[in-house]
Amino acid sequence: MARDDTVVQDSLKKQLQAGRSVTGIMVQDLVEPVIIPLLEACGFDFVVVDREHGPASFNQLQRLALVAKEYRIALLVRPTVGSYECIARVMDMGADGVMVPHVDTPSQAKEVIDAVKYPPVGKRGYGMRKFLSKWGDGMPSPSYVTRANEEIVVFIQVETPGAVTRASEMIEMDHVDGIIVGPADLTLNMGLQGQYQHPRFEKHMEDVLDACKEAGKHGGAHFGSADLALSWKHRGMNILMVGNVKGLIARQGRELVTMLQDEKNTGNETGDPGIY
């Protein structure tokens, strides 16, 4: 996929500020540095490493961050919860931002901000690990702190009906860049597990996106279906996430094997052999 260099030179934060749609994918199980250049070559703007449900260690995060530093792709992390002890060290491993699950109240959103941002914005301690950051090379520490506070991305996840009712309060907070709905947990908490076209779920999605639009911020959802993501893109969603790398490989692999087996079974030997 060809990429426009005038676009990808901007950080994820600047792309959002320019009003562009950004596309991301989750890494849950295949926590290997080689995945970063592959995803960047596909055209993804950001990758989220899942520590809520996945096995990623701090050492693995550090290796991913060092590779991502050399590529034009943002590395975000989903921590287990939004507490300081779960977020601050993740940031010290070189993450460009976070996507924090189960944020239900403005006070919880403030805890997230405090953990990812240095004073005077937040309460993050200075860990002397700026060499891992995209913004740290050759930069005096005071300048780095200012730049990091400007560039770090904060996405919070709304995953309960109660959180939906507080979405407008949370998205209006300074330093919260966007809300990403967690459809699986939201429908589970609504008693509608997996019913992503149910009118009650759609109303919650609309409420969140309206709140983001009203605040001049950004809204998204992490769907398992590209069709669902596209349908909500057409309704104003601009943070686009579909599935994870494991699922992408499995789906493409099944399609390839099915195609090859069907070709063998039909005996059809015509067509462009293509390249690989």
C-alpha atoms as a PDB file:
ATOM      1  CA  MET A   1       0.000   0.000   0.000  1.00  0.00           C
ATOM      2  CA  ALA A   2       1.471   3.320  -1.040  1.00  0.00           C
ATOM      3  CA  ARG A   3       1.668   5.937   1.667  1.00  0.00           C
ATOM      4  CA  ASP A   4       1.697   9.699   1.344  1.00  0.00           C
ATOM      5  CA  ASP A   5       4.888  10.900   3.062  1.00  0.00           C
ATOM      6  CA  THR A   6       3.334  14.303   3.746  1.00  0.00           C
ATOM      7  CA  VAL A   7       0.808  12.505   5.959  1.00  0.00           C
ATOM      8  CA  VAL A   8       2.851   9.857   7.739  1.00  0.00           C
ATOM      9  CA  GLN A   9       5.615  12.219   8.831  1.00  0.00           C
ATOM     10  CA  ASP A  10       3.138  13.672  11.325  1.00  0.00           C
ATOM     11  CA  SER A  11       2.767  12.049  14.729  1.00  0.00           C
ATOM     12  CA  LEU A  12      -0.462  10.289  15.627  1.00  0.00           C
ATOM     13  CA  LYS A  13      -1.448  13.276  17.768  1.00  0.00           C
ATOM     14  CA  LYS A  14      -0.905  15.691  14.889  1.00  0.00           C
ATOM     15  CA  GLN A  15      -2.854  13.480  12.489  1.00  0.00           C
ATOM     16  CA  LEU A  16      -5.778  13.561  14.903  1.00  0.00           C
ATOM     17  CA  GLN A  17      -5.472  17.308  15.370  1.00  0.00           C
ATOM     18  CA  ALA A  18      -5.584  17.697  11.586  1.00  0.00           C
ATOM     19  CA  GLY A  19      -8.923  15.873  11.532  1.00  0.00           C
ATOM     20  CA  ARG A  20      -7.711  12.743   9.755  1.00  0.00           C
ATOM     21  CA  SER A  21      -9.074   9.259  10.301  1.00  0.00           C
ATOM     22  CA  VAL A  22      -6.427   7.007  11.820  1.00  0.00           C
ATOM     23  CA  THR A  23      -6.245   3.241  11.516  1.00  0.00           C
ATOM     24  CA  GLY A  24      -4.912   0.858  14.132  1.00  0.00           C
ATOM     25  CA  ILE A  25      -4.714  -2.808  15.012  1.00  0.00           C
ATOM     26  CA  MET A  26      -4.122  -4.732  18.220  1.00  0.00           C
ATOM     27  CA  VAL A  27      -1.214  -7.034  19.006  1.00  0.00           C
ATOM     28  CA  GLN A  28      -2.248  -9.487  21.671  1.00  0.00           C
ATOM     29  CA  ASP A  29      -0.280 -12.725  21.278  1.00  0.00           C
ATOM     30  CA  LEU A  30       2.395 -12.178  18.620  1.00  0.00           C
ATOM     31  CA  VAL A  31       4.483  -9.733  20.634  1.00  0.00           C
ATOM     32  CA  GLU A  32       7.532  -9.706  18.355  1.00  0.00           C
ATOM     33  CA  PRO A  33       9.481  -6.663  17.092  1.00  0.00           C
ATOM     34  CA  VAL A  34       9.306  -7.872  13.475  1.00  0.00           C
ATOM     35  CA  ILE A  35       5.565  -7.182  13.512  1.00  0.00           C
ATOM     36  CA  ILE A  36       6.146  -3.409  13.694  1.00  0.00           C
ATOM     37  CA  PRO A  37       7.688  -2.811  10.229  1.00  0.00           C
ATOM     38  CA  LEU A  38       5.181  -5.235   8.695  1.00  0.00           C
ATOM     39  CA  LEU A  39       2.237  -3.299  10.109  1.00  0.00           C
ATOM     40  CA  GLU A  40       3.777   0.031   9.146  1.00  0.00           C
ATOM     41  CA  ALA A  41       4.219  -1.235   5.586  1.00  0.00           C
ATOM     42  CA  CYS A  42       0.535  -2.202   5.540  1.00  0.00           C
ATOM     43  CA  GLY A  43      -0.350   1.422   6.234  1.00  0.00           C
ATOM     44  CA  PHE A  44      -1.453   1.293   9.861  1.00  0.00           C
ATOM     45  CA  ASP A  45      -1.044   4.533  11.790  1.00  0.00           C
ATOM     46  CA  PHE A  46      -0.832   2.897  15.207  1.00  0.00           C
ATOM     47  CA  VAL A  47      -0.627  -0.441  16.955  1.00  0.00           C
ATOM     48  CA  VAL A  48      -2.009  -1.240  20.408  1.00  0.00           C
ATOM     49  CA  VAL A  49      -0.172  -3.833  22.488  1.00  0.00           C
ATOM     50  CA  ASP A  50      -2.738  -5.524  24.721  1.00  0.00           C
ATOM     51  CA  ARG A  51      -1.570  -6.066  28.295  1.00  0.00           C
ATOM     52  CA  GLU A  52      -5.120  -6.331  29.641  1.00  0.00           C
ATOM     53  CA  HIS A  53      -5.683  -9.738  28.061  1.00  0.00           C
ATOM     54  CA  GLY A  54      -2.292 -10.521  26.480  1.00  0.00           C
ATOM     55  CA  PRO A  55       1.125 -11.745  27.656  1.00  0.00           C
ATOM     56  CA  ALA A  56       3.351  -8.777  26.748  1.00  0.00           C
ATOM     57  CA  SER A  57       6.176  -8.228  29.241  1.00  0.00           C
ATOM     58  CA  PHE A  58       7.987  -4.978  29.956  1.00  0.00           C
ATOM     59  CA  ASN A  59      11.045  -6.303  28.112  1.00  0.00           C
ATOM     60  CA  GLN A  60       8.912  -7.066  25.059  1.00  0.00           C
ATOM     61  CA  LEU A  61       7.364  -3.602  25.164  1.00  0.00           C
ATOM     62  CA  GLN A  62      10.821  -2.040  25.253  1.00  0.00           C
ATOM     63  CA  ARG A  63      11.940  -4.014  22.197  1.00  0.00           C
ATOM     64  CA  LEU A  64       8.776  -3.073  20.316  1.00  0.00           C
ATOM     65  CA  ALA A  65       9.272   0.583  21.208  1.00  0.00           C
ATOM     66  CA  LEU A  66      12.863   0.592  19.960  1.00  0.00           C
ATOM     67  CA  VAL A  67      11.718  -0.773  16.599  1.00  0.00           C
ATOM     68  CA  ALA A  68       8.690   1.536  16.403  1.00  0.00           C
ATOM     69  CA  LYS A  69      11.007   4.469  17.024  1.00  0.00           C
ATOM     70  CA  GLU A  70      12.590   3.807  13.623  1.00  0.00           C
ATOM     71  CA  TYR A  71       9.254   3.557  11.809  1.00  0.00           C
ATOM     72  CA  ARG A  72       6.423   5.949  11.195  1.00  0.00           C
ATOM     73  CA  ILE A  73       3.911   4.157  13.370  1.00  0.00           C
ATOM     74  CA  ALA A  74       2.740   4.929  16.902  1.00  0.00           C
ATOM     75  CA  LEU A  75       3.031   2.291  19.614  1.00  0.00           C
ATOM     76  CA  LEU A  76       0.202   2.442  22.152  1.00  0.00           C
ATOM     77  CA  VAL A  77      -0.358   0.079  25.063  1.00  0.00           C
ATOM     78  CA  ARG A  78      -3.559  -1.123  26.678  1.00  0.00           C
ATOM     79  CA  PRO A  79      -2.679  -1.598  30.370  1.00  0.00           C
ATOM     80  CA  THR A  80      -4.582  -3.860  32.721  1.00  0.00           C
ATOM     81  CA  VAL A  81      -6.235  -0.913  34.505  1.00  0.00           C
ATOM     82  CA  GLY A  82      -5.858   2.849  34.635  1.00  0.00           C
ATOM     83  CA  SER A  83      -3.785   3.118  37.815  1.00  0.00           C
ATOM     84  CA  TYR A  84      -0.405   4.855  38.075  1.00  0.00           C
ATOM     85  CA  GLU A  85       1.480   1.622  38.745  1.00  0.00           C
ATOM     86  CA  CYS A  86       0.033  -0.009  35.627  1.00  0.00           C
ATOM     87  CA  ILE A  87       0.579   2.957  33.305  1.00  0.00           C
ATOM     88  CA  ALA A  88       3.705   4.874  34.312  1.00  0.00           C
ATOM     89  CA  ARG A  89       6.116   1.988  33.783  1.00  0.00           C
ATOM     90  CA  VAL A  90       4.491   1.167  30.448  1.00  0.00           C
ATOM     91  CA  MET A  91       5.254   4.727  29.392  1.00  0.00           C
ATOM     92  CA  ASP A  92       8.849   4.340  30.587  1.00  0.00           C
ATOM     93  CA  MET A  93       9.223   1.403  28.184  1.00  0.00           C
ATOM     94  CA  GLY A  94       8.803   3.876  25.303  1.00  0.00           C
ATOM     95  CA  ALA A  95       5.089   3.827  24.520  1.00  0.00           C
ATOM     96  CA  ASP A  96       3.686   6.733  22.515  1.00  0.00           C
ATOM     97  CA  GLY A  97       0.427   6.594  24.432  1.00  0.00           C
ATOM     98  CA  VAL A  98      -2.227   4.420  25.981  1.00  0.00           C
ATOM     99  CA  MET A  99      -5.671   2.983  25.317  1.00  0.00           C
ATOM    100  CA  VAL A 100      -7.006   2.427  28.831  1.00  0.00           C
ATOM    101  CA  PRO A 101      -9.884  -0.012  29.412  1.00  0.00           C
ATOM    102  CA  HIS A 102     -12.872   0.355  31.743  1.00  0.00           C
ATOM    103  CA  VAL A 103     -12.704   4.091  32.349  1.00  0.00           C
ATOM    104  CA  ASP A 104     -16.103   4.891  33.849  1.00  0.00           C
ATOM    105  CA  THR A 105     -15.768   8.303  35.510  1.00  0.00           C
ATOM    106  CA  PRO A 106     -13.971  11.636  35.111  1.00  0.00           C
ATOM    107  CA  SER A 107     -11.929  10.890  38.240  1.00  0.00           C
ATOM    108  CA  GLN A 108     -10.650   7.680  36.650  1.00  0.00           C
ATOM    109  CA  ALA A 109      -9.822   9.594  33.469  1.00  0.00           C
ATOM    110  CA  LYS A 110      -7.855  12.084  35.579  1.00  0.00           C
ATOM    111  CA  GLU A 111      -5.852   9.190  37.079  1.00  0.00           C
ATOM    112  CA  VAL A 112      -4.900   8.154  33.547  1.00  0.00           C
ATOM    113  CA  ILE A 113      -3.764  11.660  32.651  1.00  0.00           C
ATOM    114  CA  ASP A 114      -1.734  11.910  35.854  1.00  0.00           C
ATOM    115  CA  ALA A 115       0.030   8.630  35.039  1.00  0.00           C
ATOM    116  CA  VAL A 116       0.990   9.422  31.440  1.00  0.00           C
ATOM    117  CA  LYS A 117       1.845  13.122  31.634  1.00  0.00           C
ATOM    118  CA  TYR A 118       4.771  14.771  33.395  1.00  0.00           C
ATOM    119  CA  PRO A 119       4.244  17.737  35.757  1.00  0.00           C
ATOM    120  CA  PRO A 120       2.840  20.314  35.594  1.00  0.00           C
ATOM    121  CA  VAL A 121       0.156  18.506  33.539  1.00  0.00           C
ATOM    122  CA  GLY A 122       0.237  15.193  35.405  1.00  0.00           C
ATOM    123  CA  LYS A 123       2.167  13.343  38.075  1.00  0.00           C
ATOM    124  CA  ARG A 124       4.382  10.977  36.079  1.00  0.00           C
ATOM    125  CA  GLY A 125       7.847  10.530  37.551  1.00  0.00           C
ATOM    126  CA  TYR A 126      10.905  11.242  35.402  1.00  0.00           C
ATOM    127  CA  GLY A 127      12.417   7.824  34.696  1.00  0.00           C
ATOM    128  CA  MET A 128      15.511   8.919  32.739  1.00  0.00           C
ATOM    129  CA  ARG A 129      14.573   6.641  29.834  1.00  0.00           C
ATOM    130  CA  LYS A 130      13.945   9.263  27.159  1.00  0.00           C
ATOM    131  CA  PHE A 131      16.258   7.355  24.768  1.00  0.00           C
ATOM    132  CA  LEU A 132      13.341   4.971  24.131  1.00  0.00           C
ATOM    133  CA  SER A 133      11.001   7.773  23.114  1.00  0.00           C
ATOM    134  CA  LYS A 134      10.499   9.062  19.579  1.00  0.00           C
ATOM    135  CA  TRP A 135      10.999  12.574  20.975  1.00  0.00           C
ATOM    136  CA  GLY A 136      13.989  12.066  23.276  1.00  0.00           C
ATOM    137  CA  ASP A 137      17.118  11.839  21.108  1.00  0.00           C
ATOM    138  CA  GLY A 138      19.526  14.710  21.629  1.00  0.00           C
ATOM    139  CA  MET A 139      16.909  16.778  23.417  1.00  0.00           C
ATOM    140  CA  PRO A 140      17.569  18.440  26.793  1.00  0.00           C
ATOM    141  CA  SER A 141      15.412  16.968  29.529  1.00  0.00           C
ATOM    142  CA  PRO A 142      13.160  20.031  30.022  1.00  0.00           C
ATOM    143  CA  SER A 143      12.471  20.170  26.277  1.00  0.00           C
ATOM    144  CA  TYR A 144      11.785  16.445  26.189  1.00  0.00           C
ATOM    145  CA  VAL A 145       9.257  16.689  29.025  1.00  0.00           C
ATOM    146  CA  THR A 146       7.408  19.465  27.209  1.00  0.00           C
ATOM    147  CA  ARG A 147       7.444  17.562  23.897  1.00  0.00           C
ATOM    148  CA  ALA A 148       6.349  14.289  25.501  1.00  0.00           C
ATOM    149  CA  ASN A 149       3.411  15.995  27.197  1.00  0.00           C
ATOM    150  CA  GLU A 150       2.408  17.460  23.841  1.00  0.00           C
ATOM    151  CA  GLU A 151       2.693  14.243  21.834  1.00  0.00           C
ATOM    152  CA  ILE A 152       1.532  11.445  24.171  1.00  0.00           C
ATOM    153  CA  VAL A 153      -1.849  10.103  23.071  1.00  0.00           C
ATOM    154  CA  VAL A 154      -4.549   9.289  25.619  1.00  0.00           C
ATOM    155  CA  PHE A 155      -7.444   7.118  24.488  1.00  0.00           C
ATOM    156  CA  ILE A 156      -9.909   5.904  27.093  1.00  0.00           C
ATOM    157  CA  GLN A 157     -12.270   2.988  26.595  1.00  0.00           C
ATOM    158  CA  VAL A 158     -15.965   3.219  27.431  1.00  0.00           C
ATOM    159  CA  GLU A 159     -17.309  -0.256  28.135  1.00  0.00           C
ATOM    160  CA  THR A 160     -20.365   0.104  30.390  1.00  0.00           C
ATOM    161  CA  PRO A 161     -23.701   1.943  30.037  1.00  0.00           C
ATOM    162  CA  GLY A 162     -22.728   4.088  33.030  1.00  0.00           C
ATOM    163  CA  ALA A 163     -19.536   5.169  31.302  1.00  0.00           C
ATOM    164  CA  VAL A 164     -21.541   6.133  28.209  1.00  0.00           C
ATOM    165  CA  THR A 165     -23.599   8.554  30.316  1.00  0.00           C
ATOM    166  CA  ARG A 166     -20.369  10.230  31.462  1.00  0.00           C
ATOM    167  CA  ALA A 167     -18.673  10.222  28.064  1.00  0.00           C
ATOM    168  CA  SER A 168     -19.270  13.916  27.442  1.00  0.00           C
ATOM    169  CA  GLU A 169     -17.684  14.850  30.803  1.00  0.00           C
ATOM    170  CA  MET A 170     -14.620  12.692  30.120  1.00  0.00           C
ATOM    171  CA  ILE A 171     -14.001  13.705  26.523  1.00  0.00           C
ATOM    172  CA  GLU A 172     -14.209  17.382  27.438  1.00  0.00           C
ATOM    173  CA  MET A 173     -11.265  16.968  29.807  1.00  0.00           C
ATOM    174  CA  ASP A 174      -7.975  18.468  28.693  1.00  0.00           C
ATOM    175  CA  HIS A 175      -5.476  15.811  27.528  1.00  0.00           C
ATOM    176  CA  VAL A 176      -8.072  13.120  26.770  1.00  0.00           C
ATOM    177  CA  ASP A 177      -7.663  12.758  23.010  1.00  0.00           C
ATOM    178  CA  GLY A 178     -10.363  10.246  22.199  1.00  0.00           C
ATOM    179  CA  ILE A 179     -12.832   7.629  23.359  1.00  0.00           C
ATOM    180  CA  ILE A 180     -12.747   4.114  21.941  1.00  0.00           C
ATOM    181  CA  VAL A 181     -15.847   2.059  22.673  1.00  0.00           C
ATOM    182  CA  GLY A 182     -15.244  -1.563  23.631  1.00  0.00           C
ATOM    183  CA  PRO A 183     -18.210  -3.199  21.854  1.00  0.00           C
ATOM    184  CA  ALA A 184     -17.701  -6.688  23.288  1.00  0.00           C
ATOM    185  CA  ASP A 185     -17.690  -5.551  26.918  1.00  0.00           C
ATOM    186  CA  LEU A 186     -20.351  -2.899  26.384  1.00  0.00           C
ATOM    187  CA  THR A 187     -22.837  -5.335  24.862  1.00  0.00           C
ATOM    188  CA  LEU A 188     -21.900  -7.921  27.509  1.00  0.00           C
ATOM    189  CA  ASN A 189     -22.672  -5.395  30.258  1.00  0.00           C
ATOM    190  CA  MET A 190     -25.934  -4.512  28.513  1.00  0.00           C
ATOM    191  CA  GLY A 191     -27.083  -8.132  28.387  1.00  0.00           C
ATOM    192  CA  LEU A 192     -26.768  -8.023  24.599  1.00  0.00           C
ATOM    193  CA  GLN A 193     -23.493  -9.850  24.053  1.00  0.00           C
ATOM    194  CA  GLY A 194     -22.308  -9.525  20.458  1.00  0.00           C
ATOM    195  CA  GLN A 195     -25.463  -7.760  19.246  1.00  0.00           C
ATOM    196  CA  TYR A 196     -23.685  -4.875  17.566  1.00  0.00           C
ATOM    197  CA  GLN A 197     -26.660  -3.858  15.469  1.00  0.00           C
ATOM    198  CA  HIS A 198     -29.109  -3.772  18.356  1.00  0.00           C
ATOM    199  CA  PRO A 199     -30.803  -0.341  18.594  1.00  0.00           C
ATOM    200  CA  ARG A 200     -29.750   0.126  22.238  1.00  0.00           C
ATOM    201  CA  PHE A 201     -26.098  -0.515  21.417  1.00  0.00           C
ATOM    202  CA  GLU A 202     -26.262   1.762  18.387  1.00  0.00           C
ATOM    203  CA  LYS A 203     -27.773   4.515  20.532  1.00  0.00           C
ATOM    204  CA  HIS A 204     -24.853   4.240  22.963  1.00  0.00           C
ATOM    205  CA  MET A 205     -22.400   4.432  20.053  1.00  0.00           C
ATOM    206  CA  GLU A 206     -24.165   7.503  18.709  1.00  0.00           C
ATOM    207  CA  ASP A 207     -24.110   9.162  22.135  1.00  0.00           C
ATOM    208  CA  VAL A 208     -20.353   8.640  22.470  1.00  0.00           C
ATOM    209  CA  LEU A 209     -19.575   9.873  18.955  1.00  0.00           C
ATOM    210  CA  ASP A 210     -21.840  12.901  19.436  1.00  0.00           C
ATOM    211  CA  ALA A 211     -20.000  13.740  22.662  1.00  0.00           C
ATOM    212  CA  CYS A 212     -16.642  13.484  20.879  1.00  0.00           C
ATOM    213  CA  LYS A 213     -17.834  15.656  18.008  1.00  0.00           C
ATOM    214  CA  GLU A 214     -19.258  18.274  20.381  1.00  0.00           C
ATOM    215  CA  ALA A 215     -15.922  18.467  22.216  1.00  0.00           C
ATOM    216  CA  GLY A 216     -13.917  18.640  18.999  1.00  0.00           C
ATOM    217  CA  LYS A 217     -12.245  15.346  19.926  1.00  0.00           C
ATOM    218  CA  HIS A 218     -12.074  11.868  18.403  1.00  0.00           C
ATOM    219  CA  GLY A 219     -14.193   8.734  18.669  1.00  0.00           C
ATOM    220  CA  GLY A 220     -13.765   5.120  17.711  1.00  0.00           C
ATOM    221  CA  ALA A 221     -14.521   1.505  18.498  1.00  0.00           C
ATOM    222  CA  HIS A 222     -12.553  -1.720  18.343  1.00  0.00           C
ATOM    223  CA  PHE A 223     -14.672  -3.973  16.149  1.00  0.00           C
ATOM    224  CA  GLY A 224     -13.915  -7.431  14.804  1.00  0.00           C
ATOM    225  CA  SER A 225     -15.534  -6.595  11.470  1.00  0.00           C
ATOM    226  CA  ALA A 226     -14.337  -4.162   8.808  1.00  0.00           C
ATOM    227  CA  ASP A 227     -17.924  -3.742   7.616  1.00  0.00           C
ATOM    228  CA  LEU A 228     -19.005  -2.556  11.063  1.00  0.00           C
ATOM    229  CA  ALA A 229     -16.045  -0.201  11.312  1.00  0.00           C
ATOM    230  CA  LEU A 230     -16.816   1.283   7.905  1.00  0.00           C
ATOM    231  CA  SER A 231     -20.485   1.732   8.739  1.00  0.00           C
ATOM    232  CA  TRP A 232     -19.534   3.753  11.814  1.00  0.00           C
ATOM    233  CA  LYS A 233     -16.847   5.656   9.914  1.00  0.00           C
ATOM    234  CA  HIS A 234     -19.636   6.891   7.675  1.00  0.00           C
ATOM    235  CA  ARG A 235     -21.433   8.041  10.830  1.00  0.00           C
ATOM    236  CA  GLY A 236     -18.520  10.075  12.142  1.00  0.00           C
ATOM    237  CA  MET A 237     -16.069   7.611  13.733  1.00  0.00           C
ATOM    238  CA  ASN A 238     -12.459   8.546  12.982  1.00  0.00           C
ATOM    239  CA  ILE A 239     -10.416   6.153  15.176  1.00  0.00           C
ATOM    240  CA  LEU A 240     -10.658   2.902  13.225  1.00  0.00           C
ATOM    241  CA  MET A 241      -9.631  -0.409  14.804  1.00  0.00           C
ATOM    242  CA  VAL A 242     -10.484  -3.873  13.476  1.00  0.00           C
ATOM    243  CA  GLY A 243      -9.440  -7.148  15.085  1.00  0.00           C
ATOM    244  CA  ASN A 244      -5.889  -8.138  15.933  1.00  0.00           C
ATOM    245  CA  VAL A 245      -2.804  -9.441  14.175  1.00  0.00           C
ATOM    246  CA  LYS A 246      -3.477 -13.053  15.153  1.00  0.00           C
ATOM    247  CA  GLY A 247      -6.955 -12.887  13.628  1.00  0.00           C
ATOM    248  CA  LEU A 248      -5.659 -11.137  10.523  1.00  0.00           C
ATOM    249  CA  ILE A 249      -3.151 -13.932   9.868  1.00  0.00           C
ATOM    250  CA  ALA A 250      -5.721 -16.642  10.566  1.00  0.00           C
ATOM    251  CA  ARG A 251      -8.334 -15.062   8.303  1.00  0.00           C
ATOM    252  CA  GLN A 252      -5.961 -14.454   5.408  1.00  0.00           C
ATOM    253  CA  GLY A 253      -4.508 -17.928   5.830  1.00  0.00           C
ATOM    254  CA  ARG A 254      -7.926 -19.573   5.679  1.00  0.00           C
ATOM    255  CA  GLU A 255      -8.856 -17.572   2.600  1.00  0.00           C
ATOM    256  CA  LEU A 256      -5.611 -18.535   0.874  1.00  0.00           C
ATOM    257  CA  VAL A 257      -5.943 -22.246   1.670  1.00  0.00           C
ATOM    258  CA  THR A 258      -9.589 -22.247   0.583  1.00  0.00           C
ATOM    259  CA  MET A 259      -8.681 -20.567  -2.691  1.00  0.00           C
ATOM    260  CA  LEU A 260      -5.857 -23.011  -3.378  1.00  0.00           C
ATOM    261  CA  GLN A 261      -7.923 -26.056  -2.478  1.00  0.00           C
ATOM    262  CA  ASP A 262     -10.852 -24.919  -4.618  1.00  0.00           C
ATOM    263  CA  GLU A 263      -8.470 -24.312  -7.497  1.00  0.00           C
ATOM    264  CA  LYS A 264      -6.997 -27.815  -7.141  1.00  0.00           C
ATOM    265  CA  ASN A 265     -10.386 -29.466  -6.804  1.00  0.00           C
ATOM    266  CA  THR A 266     -11.802 -27.797  -9.924  1.00  0.00           C
ATOM    267  CA  GLY A 267      -8.718 -28.497 -11.991  1.00  0.00           C
ATOM    268  CA  ASN A 268      -8.687 -24.890 -13.190  1.00  0.00           C
ATOM    269  CA  GLU A 269      -5.147 -24.066 -14.337  1.00  0.00           C
ATOM    270  CA  THR A 270      -5.887 -20.767 -16.069  1.00  0.00           C
ATOM    271  CA  GLY A 271      -5.352 -17.227 -14.822  1.00  0.00           C
ATOM    272  CA  ASP A 272      -2.532 -14.868 -13.994  1.00  0.00           C
ATOM    273  CA  PRO A 273       0.083 -16.663 -11.868  1.00  0.00           C
ATOM    274  CA  GLY A 274       0.908 -13.325 -10.220  1.00  0.00           C
ATOM    275  CA  ILE A 275       3.862 -12.674  -7.950  1.00  0.00           C
ATOM    276  CA  TYR A 276       4.561 -13.129  -4.259  1.00  0.00           C
END
